[in-house]
Structure formats: structure tokens, C-alpha cells
Amino acid sequence: MDREKAIKLLKKYNKEEFHIRHAITVEQVMRYFAKELGYDEDFWGIVRIIT
């Protein structure tokens, strides 16, 4: 799954703007820490969007 598809699913199941913004903000945090720890930042960013 790519980020675009994950965002589409997020918006399909979450209609409140706050929840969408929160998920994207936390995605960025997950990407940062994944990069710092040597993990795949794309994978962990998408995991946060769809969970």
C-alpha cells in the first residue's frame, strides 16, 4: 500500500477534520523516529495512517 491509498482510506473512515490532521501529524512523528532508529520510514508512516 502506498501513502496515497492510505490517506484515501483514512478519509473514507474518518470524516472529522481533527482525526485526519491528528493521524497525519502522528504519521510524521512515526516517520521521524523510524528514520532515527534505522527503520523503513515509509512503512511506519503508513502503518500510523491506517491504524
C-alpha atoms as a PDB file:
ATOM      1  CA  MET A   1       0.000   0.000   0.000  1.00  0.00           C
ATOM      2  CA  ASP A   2       1.266   3.468  -0.762  1.00  0.00           C
ATOM      3  CA  ARG A   3       0.699   6.686   1.187  1.00  0.00           C
ATOM      4  CA  GLU A   4      -1.921   7.986  -1.241  1.00  0.00           C
ATOM      5  CA  LYS A   5      -4.087   4.892  -0.785  1.00  0.00           C
ATOM      6  CA  ALA A   6      -3.625   5.036   2.996  1.00  0.00           C
ATOM      7  CA  ILE A   7      -4.769   8.679   3.082  1.00  0.00           C
ATOM      8  CA  LYS A   8      -7.786   7.758   0.947  1.00  0.00           C
ATOM      9  CA  LEU A   9      -8.758   5.021   3.434  1.00  0.00           C
ATOM     10  CA  LEU A  10      -8.202   7.387   6.357  1.00  0.00           C
ATOM     11  CA  LYS A  11     -10.564   9.937   4.837  1.00  0.00           C
ATOM     12  CA  LYS A  12     -13.114   7.273   3.941  1.00  0.00           C
ATOM     13  CA  TYR A  13     -13.488   6.085   7.538  1.00  0.00           C
ATOM     14  CA  ASN A  14     -12.748   9.341   9.404  1.00  0.00           C
ATOM     15  CA  LYS A  15     -14.923  12.285   8.500  1.00  0.00           C
ATOM     16  CA  GLU A  16     -13.792  14.666  11.247  1.00  0.00           C
ATOM     17  CA  GLU A  17     -11.005  17.010  10.204  1.00  0.00           C
ATOM     18  CA  PHE A  18      -9.387  16.756  13.647  1.00  0.00           C
ATOM     19  CA  HIS A  19      -8.904  12.992  13.311  1.00  0.00           C
ATOM     20  CA  ILE A  20      -7.407  13.352   9.837  1.00  0.00           C
ATOM     21  CA  ARG A  21      -4.975  16.070  10.969  1.00  0.00           C
ATOM     22  CA  HIS A  22      -4.067  14.060  14.070  1.00  0.00           C
ATOM     23  CA  ALA A  23      -3.313  10.930  12.033  1.00  0.00           C
ATOM     24  CA  ILE A  24      -1.105  12.863   9.609  1.00  0.00           C
ATOM     25  CA  THR A  25       0.727  14.593  12.466  1.00  0.00           C
ATOM     26  CA  VAL A  26       1.406  11.295  14.209  1.00  0.00           C
ATOM     27  CA  GLU A  27       2.477   9.830  10.867  1.00  0.00           C
ATOM     28  CA  GLN A  28       5.216  12.442  10.683  1.00  0.00           C
ATOM     29  CA  VAL A  29       6.364  11.599  14.219  1.00  0.00           C
ATOM     30  CA  MET A  30       6.450   7.892  13.349  1.00  0.00           C
ATOM     31  CA  ARG A  31       8.468   8.631  10.198  1.00  0.00           C
ATOM     32  CA  TYR A  32      10.956  10.698  12.207  1.00  0.00           C
ATOM     33  CA  PHE A  33      11.566   8.026  14.822  1.00  0.00           C
ATOM     34  CA  ALA A  34      11.714   5.249  12.232  1.00  0.00           C
ATOM     35  CA  LYS A  35      14.407   7.172  10.371  1.00  0.00           C
ATOM     36  CA  GLU A  36      16.325   7.885  13.591  1.00  0.00           C
ATOM     37  CA  LEU A  37      16.242   4.197  14.552  1.00  0.00           C
ATOM     38  CA  GLY A  38      17.113   2.910  11.089  1.00  0.00           C
ATOM     39  CA  TYR A  39      13.713   1.505  10.180  1.00  0.00           C
ATOM     40  CA  ASP A  40      11.713   1.958   6.982  1.00  0.00           C
ATOM     41  CA  GLU A  41      10.087   5.348   7.485  1.00  0.00           C
ATOM     42  CA  ASP A  42       7.592   4.891   4.636  1.00  0.00           C
ATOM     43  CA  PHE A  43       6.310   1.651   6.161  1.00  0.00           C
ATOM     44  CA  TRP A  44       5.918   3.091   9.666  1.00  0.00           C
ATOM     45  CA  GLY A  45       4.309   6.268   8.360  1.00  0.00           C
ATOM     46  CA  ILE A  46       1.678   4.274   6.504  1.00  0.00           C
ATOM     47  CA  VAL A  47       1.112   1.988   9.494  1.00  0.00           C
ATOM     48  CA  ARG A  48       0.138   5.035  11.528  1.00  0.00           C
ATOM     49  CA  ILE A  49      -2.250   6.342   8.907  1.00  0.00           C
ATOM     50  CA  ILE A  50      -4.213   3.111   8.612  1.00  0.00           C
ATOM     51  CA  THR A  51      -4.301   2.180  12.303  1.00  0.00           C
END
